[in-house]
Amino acid sequence: MKGVEIFISKMDEQKNTLATLVVSKDENIPENVSLSTYSAGKLFLQTAVLRTTPSFSATKTIKGNPFKYYEYEYSNKDLVKMKTLVYHTLVGSNGYQMVITAPFDGFDIDKPAYMKIGDSLTINP
């Protein structure tokens, strides 16, 4: 991962946890790497460390770009149960990942807003 392009966070004062949105970019992805391969590799790196697996996966097109997206749950270092929504896409030779993480309690209530954010992602190569 070359670096974070966007980082947004909001503190949940009641739970003393952060809800975060991070968009990151990988440059110079080889042409022969498919979206499925790129996405699986990125997802493995995240879920293996957290000792979890996706509870949901799907593909969709957002503003003309194909995306794979996943949901998974884990407990953070403070043992607060969290839920994450991850989007992956390839545009040209660049890979993009958007990760939205928030406390498990309330995640599904706020999920329409998270999906709206994800569905508004515009990538200009």
Protein backbone atom coordinates (compact mmCIF):
# COMPACT_ATOMS: atom_id res chain seq x y z
CA MET A 1 0.00 0.00 0.00
CA LYS A 2 1.59 3.24 -1.10
CA GLY A 3 -0.41 5.44 1.17
CA VAL A 4 -3.65 6.79 2.40
CA GLU A 5 -5.45 9.14 0.05
CA ILE A 6 -8.31 10.00 2.44
CA PHE A 7 -8.77 9.46 6.18
CA ILE A 8 -11.94 10.59 7.98
CA SER A 9 -12.88 9.68 11.53
CA LYS A 10 -15.66 10.43 13.99
CA MET A 11 -15.54 9.69 17.72
CA ASP A 12 -18.53 7.87 19.20
CA GLU A 13 -18.52 9.50 22.64
CA GLN A 14 -20.88 6.92 24.17
CA LYS A 15 -18.73 3.95 23.18
CA ASN A 16 -15.41 5.83 23.16
CA THR A 17 -14.57 4.36 19.75
CA LEU A 18 -13.84 5.79 16.34
CA ALA A 19 -15.83 5.27 13.19
CA THR A 20 -13.37 5.64 10.30
CA LEU A 21 -13.30 5.84 6.53
CA VAL A 22 -9.98 5.25 4.79
CA VAL A 23 -9.29 5.29 1.05
CA SER A 24 -5.89 4.01 -0.01
CA LYS A 25 -4.15 3.45 -3.32
CA ASP A 26 -1.72 0.84 -4.65
CA GLU A 27 0.21 1.95 -7.73
CA ASN A 28 1.70 -0.10 -10.56
CA ILE A 29 -0.45 -3.20 -10.22
CA PRO A 30 0.64 -5.68 -12.95
CA GLU A 31 -1.74 -5.87 -15.92
CA ASN A 32 -2.33 -9.60 -15.44
CA VAL A 33 -3.79 -9.13 -11.92
CA SER A 34 -7.58 -9.42 -11.93
CA LEU A 35 -9.91 -7.57 -9.57
CA SER A 36 -10.72 -10.88 -7.86
CA THR A 37 -7.03 -11.63 -7.27
CA TYR A 38 -6.23 -8.10 -6.08
CA SER A 39 -9.24 -8.04 -3.79
CA ALA A 40 -8.58 -11.50 -2.33
CA GLY A 41 -5.00 -10.55 -1.52
CA LYS A 42 -5.99 -7.31 0.18
CA LEU A 43 -8.79 -8.99 2.11
CA PHE A 44 -6.51 -11.81 3.27
CA LEU A 45 -3.99 -9.31 4.66
CA GLN A 46 -6.73 -7.66 6.73
CA THR A 47 -8.72 -10.64 7.93
CA ALA A 48 -5.78 -12.93 8.74
CA VAL A 49 -4.37 -10.42 11.23
CA LEU A 50 -7.81 -9.92 12.79
CA ARG A 51 -8.57 -13.67 12.78
CA THR A 52 -11.88 -13.23 10.99
CA THR A 53 -13.54 -14.00 7.67
CA PRO A 54 -16.04 -12.05 5.57
CA SER A 55 -19.68 -12.52 6.47
CA PHE A 56 -20.82 -11.05 3.14
CA SER A 57 -19.32 -10.41 -0.29
CA ALA A 58 -20.67 -9.07 -3.57
CA THR A 59 -19.72 -7.22 -6.73
CA LYS A 60 -21.21 -4.02 -8.01
CA THR A 61 -20.49 -1.22 -10.45
CA ILE A 62 -20.05 2.30 -9.08
CA LYS A 63 -19.78 5.12 -11.58
CA GLY A 64 -18.62 2.72 -14.28
CA ASN A 65 -15.97 0.93 -12.18
CA PRO A 66 -16.40 -2.69 -11.04
CA PHE A 67 -16.00 -3.16 -7.27
CA LYS A 68 -15.83 -6.15 -4.97
CA TYR A 69 -17.03 -5.46 -1.48
CA TYR A 70 -17.10 -7.35 1.79
CA GLU A 71 -18.27 -7.10 5.37
CA TYR A 72 -16.50 -8.63 8.33
CA GLU A 73 -16.54 -8.36 12.12
CA TYR A 74 -13.74 -8.39 14.67
CA SER A 75 -12.87 -7.19 18.16
CA ASN A 76 -10.44 -4.27 18.36
CA LYS A 77 -7.53 -3.95 20.80
CA ASP A 78 -9.96 -2.68 23.45
CA LEU A 79 -12.19 -5.73 22.83
CA VAL A 80 -14.93 -3.58 21.32
CA LYS A 81 -16.78 -5.50 18.62
CA MET A 82 -16.39 -3.69 15.29
CA LYS A 83 -17.82 -4.16 11.81
CA THR A 84 -16.07 -3.26 8.56
CA LEU A 85 -17.24 -2.65 5.01
CA VAL A 86 -14.43 -2.92 2.42
CA TYR A 87 -14.52 -1.92 -1.26
CA HIS A 88 -11.81 -2.83 -3.83
CA THR A 89 -11.39 -1.80 -7.45
CA LEU A 90 -8.74 -1.59 -10.15
CA VAL A 91 -8.50 1.45 -12.41
CA GLY A 92 -5.73 1.21 -14.97
CA SER A 93 -2.60 0.07 -13.14
CA ASN A 94 -3.82 1.34 -9.76
CA GLY A 95 -5.72 -0.52 -7.06
CA TYR A 96 -8.02 1.30 -4.66
CA GLN A 97 -9.40 0.22 -1.32
CA MET A 98 -12.05 1.97 0.78
CA VAL A 99 -12.57 0.72 4.32
CA ILE A 100 -15.42 1.89 6.56
CA THR A 101 -15.17 0.67 10.16
CA ALA A 102 -17.52 1.42 13.05
CA PRO A 103 -18.72 -0.18 16.28
CA PHE A 104 -20.81 -3.29 15.68
CA ASP A 105 -23.67 -1.91 17.76
CA GLY A 106 -25.42 0.53 15.48
CA PHE A 107 -23.49 -0.40 12.33
CA ASP A 108 -26.52 -1.89 10.60
CA ILE A 109 -28.63 1.16 11.51
CA ASP A 110 -26.01 3.42 9.90
CA LYS A 111 -25.27 1.01 7.03
CA PRO A 112 -27.47 2.87 4.49
CA ALA A 113 -25.32 5.97 5.06
CA TYR A 114 -22.12 3.92 4.73
CA MET A 115 -23.42 2.35 1.50
CA LYS A 116 -24.31 5.81 0.18
CA ILE A 117 -20.75 6.96 0.88
CA GLY A 118 -19.35 3.87 -0.85
CA ASP A 119 -21.66 4.30 -3.82
CA SER A 120 -20.53 7.90 -4.24
CA LEU A 121 -16.85 7.01 -4.64
CA THR A 122 -15.45 8.65 -7.77
CA ILE A 123 -12.01 7.69 -9.04
CA ASN A 124 -10.34 9.89 -11.62
CA PRO A 125 -7.28 8.11 -13.05
